[in-house]
Structure formats: C-alpha cells, structure tokens
Amino acid sequence: MSNEQRAKLRTYSLLFLCYLLPAICCFGFAQDNNANDGSFTVPPIVYVGDRAALILPLPGFALNSASVTASAVSPSDDIDIRRAFLERRPGGSRLTVEFTAYSPGILELPPIVIADRSFSGLKIEISSVLEHDADGTVLSGPALPLAIPGTSLLIYGTIISILCSLSLAFWVLFWGRKRIGGWIASWKKMQLLVAMQGTEKRLRKALARGDDTCRNILDALSGEFRGFLAHFTGESCRAMAASEFARIELENEIIKREFLKDFFRRCDGIRFGGGEIDKKDALSILDDLKQFLAALSNAPVGAPPVGAPPPASLKGAVK
C-alpha cells in the first residue's frame, strides 16, 4: 500500500470516528432498550397510584423548539401515561414522562415517539404500601403513637397543664386563700368608694340646679355617708351620734375619728338648727366630703396616703 493510500485511510478513519460514530451512538441510544440509563423519577420513591414523572436527560440531543409534546402514547394496563414531552434546557434537552402506575415492581413504559424520535425501554420501579410476609401481602403495621405529628406535644402539654392546675390549687388552699380574700375585700371597698363619690357628685348637681332643698340634700348626704362608713369600716354607723364617732375602732388609718366627729357635728348642726339652710353651708359640707373621699381614694386601703399633703379643709383629720 502506497503512502497516499495510507493517508486517505487515516483520513477516512478519523472522519468516521469524529462524525459517524457519535451519530450512530445517539441513534442507538434512542432505540436501545437500556435507554433509561441516567433517568430518575420525581418523587424518588413512587408508590402505586401516585402521580409521578420520569425525567431522562439527553445531553447529546438537539431540539429546535423549546418544547415538543407527544401526540399519542401506546396504551398500557399497568401504566397510565398522562403526558410526555421533550424540552430544551441550557445543559441539554431532556425527556419528561408524567405517569401513574397501578402495579408494583419494575415496569417498562410503552414506546414514546416525539419529534420523529422513538424512546423505548424506559423502566421505572414502583413501590407498594403492602409488605410481604409468609402468607402473602398485608398492610404495613400502624405507626407508633409518638411518631404521629403533634402527639408528643399533646401528651406533654396535658401533663404540664395538670401539674400547673394542681400547683395553683395547692397555692389557693395553703397560701392564696387569705391573699385572694384580701384582694376581694379591697376590691369591694374600692367599689363602695366609687359609689360614694358618685353620690357626692349627684347631690352637688342637684344643689346647683335647685332640684331639691338644701335640707333634703344634707339629709340624703348624712344617710348615704353613714351607710358608706358602715360597710367600709364594719361598724354600725347608721344610728351613731356625732360624738360616738370619736370612740369607734377603725382599722383604716386614713379614716380619722376626729374628722368624722367634727363632720357630722357640723352637718347635724346645720340640719337641725331650725333656721333656713344657706346654700354655701351645704356646699361647704359637700366640699369636705369630696376632699375626704379624694384623700381616701389616693391611699392604699388600710394605709395613709404616701407623699401627698392632707387637704386643709379636713381640719387635721388626715395627717
């Protein structure tokens, strides 16, 4: 063989390796039964009846359009092909087959023809929720209760709630009963104080409008104030004379006996003086009552006010 013939042989061999061999491999890849090498499913584990997709990368396959869908797929009893299409990707084209399988095991997809290309031999593995035992296939056993989402939170939350309820019950029985009783008593006294302040405002408005006589207003004031003191101090103040307020036992330091004695002595003196009651005298009694209630509301129940100077009109009753 001459040197020229040898050169032509090497050239033809190189052309065969560079052009013809890749084309033959690509055609064989599309026609070969092992064409699903490198394919994967989404999701990775496919169960019977699940809707899944088989994706087959085709790095050496050139696609002109962005996507081409198969017109028809051969029917199969074990697999229902919902859609099959080729799509062009930056890293190369790929085949996507959306399917639903009805039999477990390794199944082969029906041949798919897209864009004059035939894809056959595509195999998928289908799992089953059934477990195999000596008697055949049975349903898998139930999961442990603690494996169910939220079970642990429910159990431990119930235990913590029970412990907190027991702790609260013991606290109420052994220590909180007296404390709660004190809170309730303080709340009731504050309600009485608010009611008495409302009475004072109502009588003051009636006096300003002239809806009633000054004597009737002072009579109502004396009765309401004595009833308030009876509930607030626990003493029988409704039938007390003015001098008797100097001898009563008072737990609340803000309520001074000398003030009460002077207040009711002035009020009773005006009421039973026999003459016409001046409107200024009635307003003076209402002003003393208003300042006394204000000093009482600004102080904790059972203690004198802190940091606040006493009203001058109380005549030394609040120190």
Protein backbone atom coordinates (compact mmCIF):
# COMPACT_ATOMS: atom_id res chain seq x y z
CA MET A 1 0.00 0.00 0.00
CA SER A 2 1.37 3.34 -1.02
CA ASN A 3 1.80 6.24 1.28
CA GLU A 4 -1.03 8.15 -0.42
CA GLN A 5 -3.47 5.29 0.18
CA ARG A 6 -2.42 5.05 3.78
CA ALA A 7 -3.02 8.80 4.25
CA LYS A 8 -6.54 8.52 2.75
CA LEU A 9 -7.29 5.55 5.02
CA ARG A 10 -6.25 7.51 8.10
CA THR A 11 -8.38 10.47 6.95
CA TYR A 12 -11.49 8.32 6.42
CA SER A 13 -10.96 6.60 9.75
CA LEU A 14 -10.70 9.97 11.53
CA LEU A 15 -13.87 11.21 9.83
CA PHE A 16 -15.68 8.05 10.89
CA LEU A 17 -14.63 8.47 14.50
CA CYS A 18 -15.46 12.19 14.61
CA TYR A 19 -18.82 12.27 12.82
CA LEU A 20 -20.36 8.91 12.07
CA LEU A 21 -19.69 7.14 15.36
CA PRO A 22 -21.43 9.80 17.59
CA ALA A 23 -24.45 9.81 15.26
CA ILE A 24 -24.72 6.04 15.44
CA CYS A 25 -24.42 6.12 19.23
CA CYS A 26 -27.16 8.76 19.53
CA PHE A 27 -29.48 6.77 17.29
CA GLY A 28 -28.73 3.60 19.20
CA PHE A 29 -29.36 5.39 22.49
CA ALA A 30 -32.86 6.36 21.35
CA GLN A 31 -33.61 2.87 20.10
CA ASP A 32 -31.86 0.80 22.72
CA ASN A 33 -33.86 -0.94 25.47
CA ASN A 34 -31.44 0.42 28.04
CA ALA A 35 -32.20 4.00 27.04
CA ASN A 36 -33.24 4.93 30.57
CA ASP A 37 -29.69 4.97 31.97
CA GLY A 38 -29.27 8.16 34.00
CA SER A 39 -33.00 8.71 34.31
CA PHE A 40 -34.70 9.50 37.62
CA THR A 41 -38.20 9.87 38.95
CA VAL A 42 -39.88 12.69 40.84
CA PRO A 43 -40.56 11.85 43.62
CA PRO A 44 -37.65 9.41 44.08
CA ILE A 45 -39.92 6.70 45.57
CA VAL A 46 -43.10 6.13 43.59
CA TYR A 47 -45.99 4.17 45.10
CA VAL A 48 -48.88 2.50 43.35
CA GLY A 49 -51.47 5.12 42.37
CA ASP A 50 -49.14 8.11 42.81
CA ARG A 51 -48.74 10.69 40.10
CA ALA A 52 -45.03 10.93 39.25
CA ALA A 53 -42.67 11.92 36.45
CA LEU A 54 -39.75 10.15 34.79
CA ILE A 55 -37.00 12.52 33.64
CA LEU A 56 -34.39 11.35 31.13
CA PRO A 57 -31.51 13.75 30.37
CA LEU A 58 -30.45 13.85 26.69
CA PRO A 59 -27.18 15.78 26.63
CA GLY A 60 -26.40 14.92 23.02
CA PHE A 61 -29.86 15.54 21.62
CA ALA A 62 -30.51 18.88 19.89
CA LEU A 63 -34.05 20.28 19.99
CA ASN A 64 -35.04 23.18 17.78
CA SER A 65 -38.16 24.35 19.66
CA ALA A 66 -38.48 24.98 23.39
CA SER A 67 -40.84 22.05 23.98
CA VAL A 68 -42.47 19.28 21.93
CA THR A 69 -45.32 17.13 23.30
CA ALA A 70 -46.06 13.60 22.17
CA SER A 71 -49.28 13.37 20.21
CA ALA A 72 -50.24 9.89 21.40
CA VAL A 73 -48.80 7.11 23.56
CA SER A 74 -49.49 3.39 23.27
CA PRO A 75 -51.96 2.29 25.99
CA SER A 76 -50.89 0.01 28.85
CA ASP A 77 -52.81 -1.77 31.59
CA ASP A 78 -50.16 -1.17 34.26
CA ILE A 79 -49.21 2.43 33.50
CA ASP A 80 -51.29 5.44 32.52
CA ILE A 81 -49.19 7.98 30.59
CA ARG A 82 -50.68 11.40 31.25
CA ARG A 83 -48.19 13.45 29.25
CA ALA A 84 -44.81 13.03 27.55
CA PHE A 85 -42.77 15.90 26.14
CA LEU A 86 -39.27 16.97 25.14
CA GLU A 87 -37.96 20.27 26.43
CA ARG A 88 -34.82 22.22 25.69
CA ARG A 89 -32.66 23.12 28.69
CA PRO A 90 -29.37 25.07 29.00
CA GLY A 91 -27.50 21.90 29.90
CA GLY A 92 -29.13 19.85 27.15
CA SER A 93 -32.54 18.53 26.22
CA ARG A 94 -34.48 16.09 28.37
CA LEU A 95 -37.50 13.84 28.12
CA THR A 96 -40.23 14.13 30.76
CA VAL A 97 -42.94 11.50 31.11
CA GLU A 98 -45.77 12.06 33.61
CA PHE A 99 -47.45 8.81 34.58
CA THR A 100 -49.48 6.89 37.17
CA ALA A 101 -48.63 3.23 37.82
CA TYR A 102 -51.13 0.64 39.06
CA SER A 103 -48.81 -2.35 39.66
CA PRO A 104 -45.75 -2.66 41.90
CA GLY A 105 -42.37 -3.80 40.71
CA ILE A 106 -40.17 -2.81 37.77
CA LEU A 107 -42.38 -1.68 34.88
CA GLU A 108 -41.49 -0.68 31.35
CA LEU A 109 -43.07 2.36 29.79
CA PRO A 110 -44.77 1.99 26.41
CA PRO A 111 -42.79 3.26 23.41
CA ILE A 112 -42.95 7.04 23.04
CA VAL A 113 -42.49 8.83 19.72
CA ILE A 114 -41.72 12.55 19.83
CA ALA A 115 -40.33 14.71 17.03
CA ASP A 116 -39.62 11.65 14.85
CA ARG A 117 -37.67 10.09 17.71
CA SER A 118 -38.68 6.85 19.38
CA PHE A 119 -37.95 6.24 23.07
CA SER A 120 -38.47 2.70 24.27
CA GLY A 121 -37.19 0.50 27.04
CA LEU A 122 -37.74 3.13 29.73
CA LYS A 123 -38.13 1.30 33.03
CA ILE A 124 -39.34 2.50 36.41
CA GLU A 125 -39.55 0.91 39.83
CA ILE A 126 -42.90 1.15 41.58
CA SER A 127 -43.14 0.56 45.34
CA SER A 128 -46.15 -0.60 47.30
CA VAL A 129 -47.58 0.16 50.73
CA LEU A 130 -48.06 -3.59 51.15
CA GLU A 131 -45.46 -5.63 52.98
CA HIS A 132 -44.61 -9.21 52.13
CA ASP A 133 -44.77 -11.91 54.76
CA ALA A 134 -45.12 -15.66 54.82
CA ASP A 135 -48.83 -15.54 53.99
CA GLY A 136 -48.58 -13.03 51.16
CA THR A 137 -49.02 -9.27 51.07
CA VAL A 138 -50.53 -7.45 54.02
CA LEU A 139 -50.86 -3.84 55.01
CA SER A 140 -47.95 -2.40 56.93
CA GLY A 141 -48.40 -2.16 60.70
CA PRO A 142 -49.59 1.05 62.37
CA ALA A 143 -47.00 3.63 63.32
CA LEU A 144 -46.12 4.20 66.95
CA PRO A 145 -48.37 6.80 68.64
CA LEU A 146 -45.44 9.07 69.45
CA ALA A 147 -44.45 9.05 65.78
CA ILE A 148 -47.67 10.81 64.79
CA PRO A 149 -47.07 14.58 64.44
CA GLY A 150 -48.39 16.56 67.40
CA THR A 151 -48.83 13.54 69.71
CA SER A 152 -45.82 14.35 71.87
CA LEU A 153 -46.90 17.98 72.17
CA LEU A 154 -50.42 16.90 73.17
CA ILE A 155 -49.20 14.41 75.80
CA TYR A 156 -46.57 16.63 77.41
CA GLY A 157 -48.79 19.69 77.16
CA THR A 158 -51.57 17.82 79.01
CA ILE A 159 -49.15 16.72 81.73
CA ILE A 160 -47.82 20.27 82.19
CA SER A 161 -51.38 21.67 82.31
CA ILE A 162 -52.36 19.15 85.00
CA LEU A 163 -49.27 19.97 87.08
CA CYS A 164 -49.91 23.70 86.77
CA SER A 165 -53.55 23.24 87.80
CA LEU A 166 -52.54 21.17 90.85
CA SER A 167 -49.92 23.75 91.84
CA LEU A 168 -52.49 26.54 91.55
CA ALA A 169 -54.99 24.55 93.64
CA PHE A 170 -52.40 23.95 96.40
CA TRP A 171 -51.42 27.60 96.33
CA VAL A 172 -55.03 28.69 96.73
CA LEU A 173 -55.63 26.22 99.58
CA PHE A 174 -52.50 26.85 101.65
CA TRP A 175 -51.44 30.41 100.94
CA GLY A 176 -53.52 32.18 98.33
CA ARG A 177 -56.85 31.91 100.15
CA LYS A 178 -56.02 34.72 102.57
CA ARG A 179 -54.37 36.73 99.84
CA ILE A 180 -57.32 36.35 97.49
CA GLY A 181 -59.69 37.18 100.32
CA GLY A 182 -57.75 40.39 100.94
CA TRP A 183 -57.90 41.28 97.26
CA ILE A 184 -61.65 40.73 97.15
CA ALA A 185 -62.17 42.84 100.27
CA SER A 186 -60.03 45.64 98.83
CA TRP A 187 -61.98 45.48 95.55
CA LYS A 188 -65.30 45.72 97.39
CA LYS A 189 -64.09 48.72 99.37
CA MET A 190 -62.98 50.44 96.19
CA GLN A 191 -66.42 49.80 94.70
CA LEU A 192 -68.00 51.39 97.79
CA LEU A 193 -65.69 54.38 97.46
CA VAL A 194 -66.58 54.86 93.80
CA ALA A 195 -70.29 54.63 94.63
CA MET A 196 -69.94 57.24 97.39
CA GLN A 197 -68.08 59.59 95.06
CA GLY A 198 -70.92 59.21 92.57
CA THR A 199 -73.44 60.08 95.30
CA GLU A 200 -71.48 63.22 96.19
CA LYS A 201 -71.45 64.37 92.56
CA ARG A 202 -75.17 63.66 92.20
CA LEU A 203 -76.06 65.70 95.31
CA ARG A 204 -73.79 68.55 94.20
CA LYS A 205 -75.53 68.73 90.79
CA ALA A 206 -78.95 68.65 92.47
CA LEU A 207 -77.89 71.53 94.73
CA ALA A 208 -76.55 73.57 91.80
CA ARG A 209 -79.75 73.12 89.75
CA GLY A 210 -82.01 73.71 92.71
CA ASP A 211 -83.86 70.44 92.19
CA ASP A 212 -84.33 69.96 95.94
CA THR A 213 -83.99 71.93 99.18
CA CYS A 214 -80.66 72.16 100.97
CA ARG A 215 -82.13 70.36 103.98
CA ASN A 216 -83.20 67.34 101.93
CA ILE A 217 -79.80 67.21 100.23
CA LEU A 218 -77.98 67.23 103.58
CA ASP A 219 -80.34 64.58 104.94
CA ALA A 220 -79.57 62.36 101.98
CA LEU A 221 -75.85 63.09 102.36
CA SER A 222 -75.85 62.15 106.04
CA GLY A 223 -77.67 58.88 105.44
CA GLU A 224 -75.54 57.87 102.43
CA PHE A 225 -72.27 58.73 104.17
CA ARG A 226 -73.21 56.81 107.33
CA GLY A 227 -74.14 53.78 105.22
CA PHE A 228 -70.83 54.03 103.38
CA LEU A 229 -68.89 54.13 106.66
CA ALA A 230 -70.86 51.15 107.99
CA HIS A 231 -69.82 48.99 105.04
CA PHE A 232 -66.32 50.42 104.78
CA THR A 233 -65.33 50.07 108.45
CA GLY A 234 -67.58 47.24 109.60
CA GLU A 235 -69.00 49.40 112.41
CA SER A 236 -72.69 50.16 112.96
CA CYS A 237 -72.51 53.82 111.94
CA ARG A 238 -76.09 54.40 110.77
CA ALA A 239 -77.54 55.32 114.18
CA MET A 240 -74.41 56.94 115.71
CA ALA A 241 -74.43 60.44 117.02
CA ALA A 242 -71.58 62.77 116.10
CA SER A 243 -69.82 62.30 119.47
CA GLU A 244 -69.87 58.49 119.12
CA PHE A 245 -67.54 58.58 116.10
CA ALA A 246 -64.70 59.58 118.43
CA ARG A 247 -64.94 56.24 120.27
CA ILE A 248 -65.25 53.73 117.40
CA GLU A 249 -62.41 51.33 116.48
CA LEU A 250 -61.12 51.95 112.97
CA GLU A 251 -58.65 49.74 111.15
CA ASN A 252 -58.08 52.20 108.33
CA GLU A 253 -55.70 54.95 109.42
CA ILE A 254 -56.84 57.33 106.71
CA ILE A 255 -60.32 57.48 108.28
CA LYS A 256 -59.80 59.70 111.36
CA ARG A 257 -62.33 59.63 114.15
CA GLU A 258 -61.88 63.33 114.96
CA PHE A 259 -62.74 64.30 111.41
CA LEU A 260 -65.87 62.15 111.42
CA LYS A 261 -66.97 63.63 114.75
CA ASP A 262 -66.45 67.21 113.52
CA PHE A 263 -68.03 66.49 110.13
CA PHE A 264 -71.26 65.05 111.49
CA ARG A 265 -71.43 67.68 114.26
CA ARG A 266 -71.37 70.44 111.62
CA CYS A 267 -73.77 68.56 109.33
CA ASP A 268 -76.26 67.78 112.11
CA GLY A 269 -75.96 71.35 113.49
CA ILE A 270 -76.93 72.79 110.12
CA ARG A 271 -79.71 70.26 109.55
CA PHE A 272 -81.35 70.61 112.99
CA GLY A 273 -80.56 74.30 113.66
CA GLY A 274 -84.15 75.26 112.96
CA GLY A 275 -83.30 78.10 110.59
CA GLU A 276 -83.08 78.35 106.84
CA ILE A 277 -80.05 76.47 105.49
CA ASP A 278 -77.74 78.56 103.41
CA LYS A 279 -76.57 77.07 100.11
CA LYS A 280 -72.96 77.97 100.98
CA ASP A 281 -73.11 75.83 104.15
CA ALA A 282 -74.37 72.85 102.17
CA LEU A 283 -71.59 73.32 99.57
CA SER A 284 -69.03 73.53 102.39
CA ILE A 285 -70.19 70.15 103.74
CA LEU A 286 -70.04 68.66 100.23
CA ASP A 287 -66.52 70.09 99.71
CA ASP A 288 -65.27 68.49 102.94
CA LEU A 289 -66.75 65.16 101.90
CA LYS A 290 -65.25 65.43 98.41
CA GLN A 291 -61.74 66.11 99.71
CA PHE A 292 -62.02 63.32 102.25
CA LEU A 293 -63.05 60.80 99.57
CA ALA A 294 -60.25 62.03 97.30
CA ALA A 295 -57.67 61.50 100.07
CA LEU A 296 -59.13 58.06 100.77
CA SER A 297 -59.05 57.01 97.10
CA ASN A 298 -55.42 58.15 96.66
CA ALA A 299 -54.19 55.99 99.55
CA PRO A 300 -53.92 52.18 99.68
CA VAL A 301 -56.75 50.57 101.60
CA GLY A 302 -55.62 50.21 105.22
CA ALA A 303 -52.73 52.73 104.96
CA PRO A 304 -52.34 56.52 104.94
CA PRO A 305 -51.51 58.31 101.68
CA VAL A 306 -47.81 58.48 100.88
CA GLY A 307 -46.16 61.71 99.77
CA ALA A 308 -49.39 63.71 99.46
CA PRO A 309 -50.15 66.65 101.79
CA PRO A 310 -53.55 66.46 103.54
CA PRO A 311 -56.33 68.80 102.40
CA ALA A 312 -56.55 71.93 104.52
CA SER A 313 -60.36 71.73 104.80
CA LEU A 314 -60.17 68.38 106.65
CA LYS A 315 -59.03 70.32 109.76
CA GLY A 316 -56.23 67.95 110.68
CA ALA A 317 -58.21 64.77 110.22
CA VAL A 318 -55.75 63.37 107.67
CA LYS A 319 -52.11 63.62 108.73
